[in-house]
Amino acid sequence: MTARGLIVAAPQSGAGKTTITLALVAALRRRGLKVSAAKAGPDYIDPAFHAAASGSAAVNLDTWAMPGALIEMLAVRAAGSADIFVIEGVMGLFDGAAARAGRRGATADLAAHFDLPVVLVLDVARQAQSAAAIARGFAAHDPAVKIAGVILNRTASERHRALVADAVSAVGLPVFGVLPRDAALALPERHLGLVQAAEHADLAALIEHLAETADRQLNLDAIVAAAAPLTFRSRRDNHAGFLPPPGQRVALAQDRAFSFVYPHVVEAWRSAGAEILPFSPLADEPPPERADCCWLPGGYPELHAQSLAAAQNFAEGLRRFAQTRPVHGECGGYMVLGQSIEDSAGHLYAMTGLLGHTTSFAKRKLHLGYREALLLSDGVLGPKGAHVRGHEFHYASLISAGDDEPFAELSDSEGRALGKGGGRRGRVSGTFFHAIAAGDS
C-alpha cells in the first residue's frame, strides 16, 4: 500500500473539522490525487459527506468499539489504492471513553496506532495569541501524537489572522492555512448532527465551493508533504470484529427515515456473500418477498411519523414478513417496530406494533454513549451469550416499555451495568443501540 495519511483534529467539537476535511479532500481530488477518507468514532452521518467529496466509499474507525485487526482491515481497504488517506477526528483530539490507552475511541488513539500526523484545526473566533498556547499544549501533551501543523478557522480580519498566525509560528508549529469566518462554509445541522448528505440538493456545489476555498486559503502542498505512511501493528485477521450477515438476502430499509447504517457493516455482509435488497417504507414499500431477513436501521422516523403511520402497505407487509422471517430494528427502526411514536408536538402516530413499547420525542432527552451488549437469545446479531459493541445516540425516550423479552444486557464504556435493553417477540427484535463490531474488550 502506497497511501500516505493524516488526521484532521481539533481541541473540541464544533471547531470546523468536517468543513475543513471536506474542503481538503475535495481540493486534493481536484488536483488529480486519489483521496480516501474515514471518520473517527461512531458518527454515521459524516462518512456520506466524505464519500461525496472524495468520490470513494468512506468508513468509520473506532478504537473503543472495534478490535485493532478490524480497524486495520478497514484502513487497508479504504486507503489501499489511494494517494492520500484523510481521517476526520471526533470531539477533541484526546477526548474518549475512560478506558485503557488505545481503546478509548479517541482520535489520538488512531494517530498513535497508525503513527499518523495530526493537522490541528483551531477555532480562533474568540481569541488571538492565546491560540498559540493551546497549540503548544496539544503538541506537547502526548509524545505518541505528532502535531504536524495547524489550520486557523473563523478569523475575523487580516489583523486577527496575523496576530494568531504569528503567535502559532513562534511556538514552532507551521500554519497550513487560514479560513475566514464565512457563513457560506457552514453545514446545516439538526438534532442528531448534520443534515444528511442525501438531503442537500446543492451538495455538489457546496463541495466545489469548499474545494475552491481550500485552494485559496490552505497550503495544500505543505499538507500533502506532512502526510506519512500508515504503520500497522495488529496481527491480520480478516474476520475479527465483523458482524455476520443477518441473512443471505437482507431487506434493508433505505430512505430519509432510515439511513443510519454503518458502511463497514453492510460491506461485511456483502463480503460474506449476502445480497442487499433496499426498500423504502416512506414510499409505502414492503420488504421484498425474496428476502430472508429484514433490517430497519436508525434515522429520523420522528420527522416522518405521520407518513410512516399512513404507510399501510409497508406495515402490513412487514407484519406478514415477520411471521416467517427475522426482523430487526436499530434505534429509529426499533421505534417503528413499537406501538406508536409521539412526535415533538405531542401527536401520537401508530407504528407497526410488532413490539410492545411506545416511544416519545415530545420531551427530548439525550441518550448518548458507547454500549456493550450481551445477547440474551440467538438472533441476527449473533448467538446467545455473544458480545456486541456499539453506540447509542438519540433523543427519543420510552414512555411505555411493553412486556417483550429483553434483547440484551447492556453496559457502558466503563463496564458499568445499565440493565436489560431492547425487546424481542418471536422473530422480531430491536434495540436503541447501533451495532458496530462483534466481540468484547
Protein backbone atom coordinates (compact mmCIF):
# COMPACT_ATOMS: atom_id res chain seq x y z
CA MET A 1 0.00 0.00 0.00
CA THR A 2 1.45 3.37 -1.05
CA ALA A 3 -1.09 5.75 0.52
CA ARG A 4 0.12 8.37 2.94
CA GLY A 5 -2.23 9.62 5.59
CA LEU A 6 -3.04 12.35 8.06
CA ILE A 7 -5.67 13.16 10.65
CA VAL A 8 -7.74 16.35 10.88
CA ALA A 9 -8.49 17.00 14.56
CA ALA A 10 -9.33 19.86 16.93
CA PRO A 11 -9.30 20.74 20.62
CA GLN A 12 -13.12 20.47 20.82
CA SER A 13 -16.28 19.73 18.92
CA GLY A 14 -17.66 22.47 16.69
CA ALA A 15 -14.26 23.78 15.60
CA GLY A 16 -14.94 23.10 11.92
CA LYS A 17 -13.32 19.68 11.43
CA THR A 18 -15.93 18.39 9.00
CA THR A 19 -15.98 21.51 6.84
CA ILE A 20 -12.19 21.62 6.63
CA THR A 21 -11.92 17.88 5.99
CA LEU A 22 -14.37 18.15 3.10
CA ALA A 23 -12.59 21.21 1.73
CA LEU A 24 -9.21 19.48 1.92
CA VAL A 25 -10.43 16.21 0.40
CA ALA A 26 -12.27 17.96 -2.42
CA ALA A 27 -9.34 20.26 -3.22
CA LEU A 28 -6.84 17.40 -3.33
CA ARG A 29 -9.18 15.42 -5.56
CA ARG A 30 -9.42 18.40 -7.94
CA ARG A 31 -5.64 18.32 -8.15
CA GLY A 32 -5.81 14.80 -9.51
CA LEU A 33 -4.97 12.89 -6.35
CA LYS A 34 -6.97 9.80 -5.45
CA VAL A 35 -8.25 10.56 -1.97
CA SER A 36 -10.00 8.30 0.52
CA ALA A 37 -11.45 9.35 3.85
CA ALA A 38 -12.60 7.94 7.17
CA LYS A 39 -14.35 9.19 10.29
CA ALA A 40 -13.02 8.51 13.77
CA GLY A 41 -15.67 7.28 16.15
CA PRO A 42 -19.27 6.18 15.69
CA ASP A 43 -20.69 9.08 13.65
CA TYR A 44 -22.95 7.67 10.93
CA ILE A 45 -23.59 10.94 9.05
CA ASP A 46 -20.14 12.34 8.19
CA PRO A 47 -18.96 9.35 6.08
CA ALA A 48 -21.61 10.12 3.44
CA PHE A 49 -20.17 13.64 3.10
CA HIS A 50 -16.66 12.18 2.88
CA ALA A 51 -17.77 9.84 0.13
CA ALA A 52 -19.33 12.70 -1.83
CA ALA A 53 -16.17 14.82 -1.55
CA SER A 54 -13.69 12.02 -2.31
CA GLY A 55 -15.68 10.04 -4.86
CA SER A 56 -14.94 6.83 -2.96
CA ALA A 57 -16.52 4.90 -0.09
CA ALA A 58 -15.75 6.14 3.42
CA VAL A 59 -15.61 4.18 6.67
CA ASN A 60 -15.68 4.61 10.44
CA LEU A 61 -12.63 3.73 12.55
CA ASP A 62 -13.46 3.35 16.23
CA THR A 63 -10.85 2.21 18.74
CA TRP A 64 -13.37 1.54 21.53
CA ALA A 65 -15.90 -0.45 19.53
CA MET A 66 -13.54 -2.21 17.09
CA PRO A 67 -10.63 -4.56 17.72
CA GLY A 68 -7.32 -3.43 16.25
CA ALA A 69 -7.42 -6.06 13.50
CA LEU A 70 -10.77 -4.75 12.25
CA ILE A 71 -9.56 -1.14 12.30
CA GLU A 72 -6.51 -2.10 10.27
CA MET A 73 -8.52 -4.15 7.79
CA LEU A 74 -10.90 -1.23 7.20
CA ALA A 75 -7.99 1.20 6.84
CA VAL A 76 -6.23 -1.09 4.36
CA ARG A 77 -9.38 -1.37 2.27
CA ALA A 78 -10.07 2.36 2.36
CA ALA A 79 -6.53 3.53 1.70
CA GLY A 80 -5.29 0.64 -0.42
CA SER A 81 -5.50 2.28 -3.83
CA ALA A 82 -5.42 5.92 -2.71
CA ASP A 83 -2.67 8.52 -2.90
CA ILE A 84 -3.69 10.11 0.39
CA PHE A 85 -5.90 8.93 3.26
CA VAL A 86 -7.60 11.59 5.40
CA ILE A 87 -9.18 10.70 8.75
CA GLU A 88 -11.53 13.22 10.36
CA GLY A 89 -11.36 13.16 14.15
CA VAL A 90 -14.18 13.08 16.67
CA MET A 91 -14.77 15.59 19.51
CA GLY A 92 -11.47 16.91 20.86
CA LEU A 93 -8.25 15.15 19.84
CA PHE A 94 -7.74 13.41 23.21
CA ASP A 95 -11.42 13.02 24.17
CA GLY A 96 -12.76 9.50 24.58
CA ALA A 97 -14.06 6.92 26.99
CA ALA A 98 -12.46 6.28 30.37
CA ALA A 99 -10.80 3.13 29.07
CA ARG A 100 -7.26 1.89 28.61
CA ALA A 101 -4.95 3.72 26.20
CA GLY A 102 -5.57 2.71 22.63
CA ARG A 103 -9.18 1.62 23.31
CA ARG A 104 -10.74 4.94 24.26
CA GLY A 105 -12.42 5.80 20.97
CA ALA A 106 -10.27 8.94 20.91
CA THR A 107 -8.83 10.42 17.74
CA ALA A 108 -5.43 10.34 19.46
CA ASP A 109 -5.68 6.53 19.61
CA LEU A 110 -5.79 6.38 15.80
CA ALA A 111 -2.92 8.85 15.48
CA ALA A 112 -0.76 6.70 17.75
CA HIS A 113 -1.90 3.38 16.28
CA PHE A 114 -1.15 4.32 12.67
CA ASP A 115 1.66 6.77 13.52
CA LEU A 116 -0.10 9.46 11.51
CA PRO A 117 0.49 13.22 11.80
CA VAL A 118 -2.32 15.46 13.02
CA VAL A 119 -3.44 18.69 11.39
CA LEU A 120 -4.95 20.64 14.28
CA VAL A 121 -7.94 22.88 13.49
CA LEU A 122 -8.12 25.87 15.84
CA ASP A 123 -11.35 27.85 16.04
CA VAL A 124 -9.97 31.30 16.85
CA ALA A 125 -13.24 33.24 16.63
CA ARG A 126 -12.99 34.31 20.27
CA GLN A 127 -9.23 34.50 20.82
CA ALA A 128 -5.98 35.69 19.27
CA GLN A 129 -2.46 34.94 20.55
CA SER A 130 -3.83 32.58 23.20
CA ALA A 131 -4.38 30.07 20.40
CA ALA A 132 -0.60 29.53 20.39
CA ALA A 133 -0.71 28.28 23.98
CA ILE A 134 -3.40 25.78 23.05
CA ALA A 135 -1.42 24.60 20.04
CA ARG A 136 1.76 24.26 22.11
CA GLY A 137 -0.08 22.28 24.78
CA PHE A 138 -1.56 19.87 22.26
CA ALA A 139 1.81 19.38 20.59
CA ALA A 140 3.49 18.50 23.90
CA HIS A 141 0.70 16.51 25.53
CA ASP A 142 1.44 13.01 24.19
CA PRO A 143 4.76 12.04 22.55
CA ALA A 144 2.92 9.36 20.52
CA VAL A 145 0.73 12.00 18.86
CA LYS A 146 2.54 14.29 16.44
CA ILE A 147 1.04 17.67 15.56
CA ALA A 148 2.26 18.46 12.03
CA GLY A 149 0.75 21.93 11.89
CA VAL A 150 -2.41 23.93 12.36
CA ILE A 151 -5.25 25.41 10.34
CA LEU A 152 -6.78 28.57 11.78
CA ASN A 153 -10.54 28.72 11.39
CA ARG A 154 -13.01 31.61 11.61
CA THR A 155 -10.64 34.56 11.64
CA ALA A 156 -12.40 37.94 11.71
CA SER A 157 -9.95 40.15 9.81
CA GLU A 158 -6.49 40.32 8.30
CA ARG A 159 -5.15 41.80 11.54
CA HIS A 160 -6.73 38.97 13.54
CA ARG A 161 -5.20 36.42 11.15
CA ALA A 162 -1.74 37.93 11.50
CA LEU A 163 -1.88 38.06 15.30
CA VAL A 164 -2.81 34.39 15.60
CA ALA A 165 -0.60 33.07 12.80
CA ASP A 166 2.50 34.90 14.08
CA ALA A 167 1.94 33.61 17.62
CA VAL A 168 1.49 29.99 16.48
CA SER A 169 4.52 30.15 14.20
CA ALA A 170 6.58 31.49 17.11
CA VAL A 171 5.99 28.26 19.08
CA GLY A 172 7.40 26.22 16.20
CA LEU A 173 4.23 24.94 14.54
CA PRO A 174 3.57 25.52 10.83
CA VAL A 175 0.35 27.30 9.90
CA PHE A 176 -1.07 25.34 6.97
CA GLY A 177 -3.75 27.88 6.21
CA VAL A 178 -6.39 30.25 7.48
CA LEU A 179 -10.12 30.21 6.84
CA PRO A 180 -12.09 33.40 7.48
CA ARG A 181 -15.43 33.48 9.22
CA ASP A 182 -17.88 32.69 6.42
CA ALA A 183 -21.47 31.52 6.87
CA ALA A 184 -21.40 30.09 3.35
CA LEU A 185 -18.93 27.44 4.53
CA ALA A 186 -21.20 26.17 7.32
CA LEU A 187 -23.06 22.86 7.02
CA PRO A 188 -26.69 22.87 8.23
CA GLU A 189 -27.45 20.86 11.37
CA ARG A 190 -30.35 19.22 13.18
CA HIS A 191 -30.76 17.40 16.49
CA LEU A 192 -28.55 14.37 15.68
CA GLY A 193 -25.83 16.30 13.87
CA LEU A 194 -25.51 17.49 10.30
CA VAL A 195 -28.43 17.37 7.90
CA GLN A 196 -27.71 14.23 5.90
CA ALA A 197 -25.73 14.43 2.68
CA ALA A 198 -28.57 12.94 0.62
CA GLU A 199 -30.85 15.80 1.67
CA HIS A 200 -28.63 18.52 0.17
CA ALA A 201 -29.98 19.45 -3.25
CA ASP A 202 -26.84 21.52 -3.86
CA LEU A 203 -24.23 19.27 -2.22
CA ALA A 204 -22.04 19.17 -5.34
CA ALA A 205 -22.00 22.98 -5.48
CA LEU A 206 -21.16 23.20 -1.78
CA ILE A 207 -18.27 20.77 -2.15
CA GLU A 208 -16.99 22.71 -5.16
CA HIS A 209 -17.12 25.92 -3.13
CA LEU A 210 -15.22 24.25 -0.30
CA ALA A 211 -12.58 22.98 -2.73
CA GLU A 212 -12.11 26.46 -4.21
CA THR A 213 -11.81 27.92 -0.70
CA ALA A 214 -9.18 25.35 0.25
CA ASP A 215 -7.24 26.08 -2.93
CA ARG A 216 -7.09 29.76 -1.99
CA GLN A 217 -6.67 29.53 1.77
CA LEU A 218 -4.70 26.36 2.52
CA ASN A 219 -1.13 25.39 1.69
CA LEU A 220 -2.09 22.11 0.08
CA ASP A 221 1.49 21.26 -0.90
CA ALA A 222 2.64 21.56 2.70
CA ILE A 223 -0.28 19.49 3.97
CA VAL A 224 0.40 16.70 1.48
CA ALA A 225 4.11 16.80 2.33
CA ALA A 226 3.26 16.38 6.03
CA ALA A 227 1.32 13.16 5.41
CA ALA A 228 3.06 9.92 6.40
CA PRO A 229 2.80 6.21 5.56
CA LEU A 230 0.44 4.24 7.78
CA THR A 231 2.01 1.93 10.37
CA PHE A 232 0.21 -1.34 11.06
CA ARG A 233 0.53 -3.03 14.44
CA SER A 234 -2.13 -5.77 14.71
CA ARG A 235 -1.99 -9.36 13.62
CA ARG A 236 -4.02 -9.62 10.45
CA ASP A 237 -7.39 -11.30 10.84
CA ASN A 238 -9.87 -10.83 8.00
CA HIS A 239 -12.80 -11.78 10.22
CA ALA A 240 -12.03 -10.11 13.57
CA GLY A 241 -14.92 -7.94 14.72
CA PHE A 242 -17.03 -8.17 11.58
CA LEU A 243 -20.72 -8.67 12.27
CA PRO A 244 -22.17 -11.69 10.46
CA PRO A 245 -24.88 -11.03 7.87
CA PRO A 246 -28.36 -11.45 9.38
CA GLY A 247 -29.46 -13.41 6.33
CA GLN A 248 -28.47 -14.45 2.83
CA ARG A 249 -30.80 -11.84 1.28
CA VAL A 250 -31.24 -8.82 3.55
CA ALA A 251 -34.15 -6.44 3.02
CA LEU A 252 -32.64 -3.11 4.12
CA ALA A 253 -34.89 -0.08 4.68
CA GLN A 254 -33.26 2.90 2.96
CA ASP A 255 -34.77 6.38 2.73
CA ARG A 256 -34.80 9.64 4.69
CA ALA A 257 -36.39 7.96 7.69
CA PHE A 258 -33.95 5.00 7.68
CA SER A 259 -30.40 5.92 6.76
CA PHE A 260 -28.12 5.31 9.74
CA VAL A 261 -26.28 2.17 8.77
CA TYR A 262 -22.51 1.85 9.05
CA PRO A 263 -20.80 1.34 5.67
CA HIS A 264 -18.45 -1.31 7.07
CA VAL A 265 -21.36 -3.36 8.38
CA VAL A 266 -23.11 -3.56 5.01
CA GLU A 267 -19.81 -4.18 3.22
CA ALA A 268 -19.07 -7.05 5.63
CA TRP A 269 -22.45 -8.56 4.81
CA ARG A 270 -21.71 -8.34 1.11
CA SER A 271 -18.21 -9.77 1.57
CA ALA A 272 -19.76 -12.75 3.35
CA GLY A 273 -21.97 -13.39 0.33
CA ALA A 274 -25.18 -11.65 1.40
CA GLU A 275 -27.34 -9.78 -1.10
CA ILE A 276 -28.70 -6.38 -0.01
CA LEU A 277 -32.26 -5.59 -1.15
CA PRO A 278 -33.11 -1.92 -0.45
CA PHE A 279 -36.70 -0.80 0.00
CA SER A 280 -38.40 2.40 1.16
CA PRO A 281 -41.01 2.44 3.93
CA LEU A 282 -41.67 6.13 3.19
CA ALA A 283 -42.65 5.11 -0.34
CA ASP A 284 -45.00 2.56 1.30
CA GLU A 285 -42.94 -0.38 0.07
CA PRO A 286 -42.99 -3.68 1.99
CA PRO A 287 -39.78 -5.69 2.43
CA PRO A 288 -39.07 -7.69 -0.76
CA GLU A 289 -40.64 -11.13 -0.61
CA ARG A 290 -37.49 -12.93 -1.69
CA ALA A 291 -35.54 -11.60 1.32
CA ASP A 292 -34.94 -13.92 4.27
CA CYS A 293 -34.32 -11.15 6.83
CA CYS A 294 -35.41 -7.52 7.24
CA TRP A 295 -33.26 -4.80 8.82
CA LEU A 296 -34.64 -1.40 9.80
CA PRO A 297 -31.70 0.93 10.55
CA GLY A 298 -31.79 4.14 12.51
CA GLY A 299 -32.66 7.51 11.08
CA TYR A 300 -35.36 10.12 11.63
CA PRO A 301 -38.71 8.34 11.94
CA GLU A 302 -39.85 11.08 14.34
CA LEU A 303 -39.66 13.59 11.45
CA HIS A 304 -41.75 11.31 9.24
CA ALA A 305 -44.09 9.74 11.78
CA GLN A 306 -47.26 10.83 10.00
CA SER A 307 -46.09 9.41 6.66
CA LEU A 308 -44.97 6.16 8.28
CA ALA A 309 -48.30 5.82 10.09
CA ALA A 310 -50.06 6.18 6.73
CA ALA A 311 -47.80 3.61 5.01
CA GLN A 312 -50.15 0.67 5.47
CA ASN A 313 -48.71 -1.39 2.63
CA PHE A 314 -45.32 -1.22 4.39
CA ALA A 315 -46.75 -2.04 7.83
CA GLU A 316 -48.92 -4.94 6.65
CA GLY A 317 -46.10 -6.32 4.51
CA LEU A 318 -43.68 -6.14 7.44
CA ARG A 319 -46.15 -7.96 9.69
CA ARG A 320 -46.55 -10.75 7.13
CA PHE A 321 -42.79 -10.92 6.71
CA ALA A 322 -42.25 -11.24 10.47
CA GLN A 323 -44.49 -14.31 10.67
CA THR A 324 -41.83 -16.41 8.92
CA ARG A 325 -38.56 -14.44 8.89
CA PRO A 326 -36.44 -12.31 11.26
CA VAL A 327 -36.99 -8.55 11.50
CA HIS A 328 -34.57 -6.33 13.44
CA GLY A 329 -34.66 -2.61 14.16
CA GLU A 330 -31.91 -0.29 15.42
CA CYS A 331 -32.78 2.99 17.15
CA GLY A 332 -35.24 4.60 14.69
CA GLY A 333 -36.04 1.17 13.31
CA TYR A 334 -36.72 -0.03 16.85
CA MET A 335 -39.09 2.91 17.35
CA VAL A 336 -41.05 1.95 14.22
CA LEU A 337 -41.36 -1.65 15.41
CA GLY A 338 -43.18 -0.39 18.51
CA GLN A 339 -46.81 0.51 19.11
CA SER A 340 -46.55 4.23 18.40
CA ILE A 341 -44.31 7.30 18.20
CA GLU A 342 -45.14 10.61 19.85
CA ASP A 343 -43.65 13.47 17.85
CA SER A 344 -42.25 16.76 19.17
CA ALA A 345 -45.70 18.39 19.06
CA GLY A 346 -47.23 15.65 21.21
CA HIS A 347 -49.12 13.93 18.38
CA LEU A 348 -49.25 10.14 18.66
CA TYR A 349 -48.86 8.06 15.48
CA ALA A 350 -49.46 4.32 15.29
CA MET A 351 -46.48 2.25 14.17
CA THR A 352 -46.20 -1.41 13.16
CA GLY A 353 -46.95 -2.88 16.60
CA LEU A 354 -44.54 -5.79 16.22
CA LEU A 355 -43.06 -4.97 19.63
CA GLY A 356 -44.87 -3.66 22.69
CA HIS A 357 -43.06 -0.41 23.52
CA THR A 358 -44.04 3.19 22.79
CA THR A 359 -41.52 6.00 22.22
CA SER A 360 -41.78 9.75 22.51
CA PHE A 361 -39.91 12.71 21.11
CA ALA A 362 -42.11 15.25 22.91
CA LYS A 363 -39.72 15.77 25.81
CA ARG A 364 -36.29 15.48 24.29
CA LYS A 365 -33.63 13.80 26.40
CA LEU A 366 -30.20 12.97 25.07
CA HIS A 367 -29.18 9.31 25.34
CA LEU A 368 -25.55 9.10 24.25
CA GLY A 369 -22.65 6.72 24.73
CA TYR A 370 -20.89 3.52 23.85
CA ARG A 371 -22.69 0.28 24.63
CA GLU A 372 -21.52 -3.29 25.08
CA ALA A 373 -24.35 -5.79 24.71
CA LEU A 374 -24.52 -9.36 25.97
CA LEU A 375 -27.10 -11.03 23.74
CA LEU A 376 -29.79 -12.87 25.68
CA SER A 377 -31.04 -15.06 22.79
CA ASP A 378 -29.86 -16.36 19.45
CA GLY A 379 -30.61 -13.75 16.78
CA VAL A 380 -29.47 -11.63 13.88
CA LEU A 381 -26.50 -10.13 15.78
CA GLY A 382 -25.14 -13.47 16.93
CA PRO A 383 -25.79 -16.39 19.28
CA LYS A 384 -26.96 -16.15 22.87
CA GLY A 385 -24.06 -15.08 25.08
CA ALA A 386 -22.20 -13.23 22.32
CA HIS A 387 -20.91 -9.72 22.93
CA VAL A 388 -21.54 -6.84 20.53
CA ARG A 389 -20.09 -3.36 20.82
CA GLY A 390 -21.97 -0.34 19.56
CA HIS A 391 -23.21 3.15 20.24
CA GLU A 392 -26.40 4.87 21.36
CA PHE A 393 -27.34 8.39 20.24
CA HIS A 394 -30.94 9.54 20.30
CA TYR A 395 -33.34 11.99 21.92
CA ALA A 396 -36.37 9.70 22.00
CA SER A 397 -37.43 8.04 25.24
CA LEU A 398 -39.57 5.05 26.14
CA ILE A 399 -42.89 6.14 27.60
CA SER A 400 -44.08 2.54 27.77
CA ALA A 401 -41.62 -0.35 27.85
CA GLY A 402 -44.12 -3.05 26.92
CA ASP A 403 -43.74 -6.63 28.11
CA ASP A 404 -41.48 -8.17 25.45
CA GLU A 405 -38.47 -10.27 26.36
CA PRO A 406 -35.34 -8.09 26.67
CA PHE A 407 -32.88 -8.18 23.79
CA ALA A 408 -29.57 -7.75 25.66
CA GLU A 409 -27.80 -6.95 28.92
CA LEU A 410 -26.16 -3.56 28.40
CA SER A 411 -23.12 -1.86 29.91
CA ASP A 412 -21.46 1.46 29.18
CA SER A 413 -17.93 2.26 28.01
CA GLU A 414 -16.55 1.79 31.53
CA GLY A 415 -18.26 -1.55 32.05
CA ARG A 416 -21.00 -0.23 34.35
CA ALA A 417 -24.20 -2.23 34.10
CA LEU A 418 -27.13 -0.41 32.51
CA GLY A 419 -29.62 -3.24 32.84
CA LYS A 420 -31.58 -5.01 30.16
CA GLY A 421 -32.50 -3.20 26.96
CA GLY A 422 -34.34 -3.61 23.70
CA GLY A 423 -37.04 -6.15 23.03
CA ARG A 424 -37.74 -9.48 21.38
CA ARG A 425 -41.03 -11.03 20.37
CA GLY A 426 -40.95 -14.14 18.22
CA ARG A 427 -38.79 -13.41 15.17
CA VAL A 428 -38.82 -9.64 15.81
CA SER A 429 -36.09 -7.85 17.76
CA GLY A 430 -34.97 -4.31 18.28
CA THR A 431 -32.77 -2.05 20.35
CA PHE A 432 -31.80 1.60 20.68
CA PHE A 433 -28.09 0.88 20.16
CA HIS A 434 -26.37 0.67 16.78
CA ALA A 435 -24.14 -2.40 16.44
CA ILE A 436 -20.60 -1.63 15.27
CA ALA A 437 -18.50 -4.74 15.84
CA ALA A 438 -18.62 -8.22 17.31
CA GLY A 439 -16.57 -9.15 20.36
CA ASP A 440 -15.93 -7.81 23.83
CA SER A 441 -12.96 -6.00 25.35
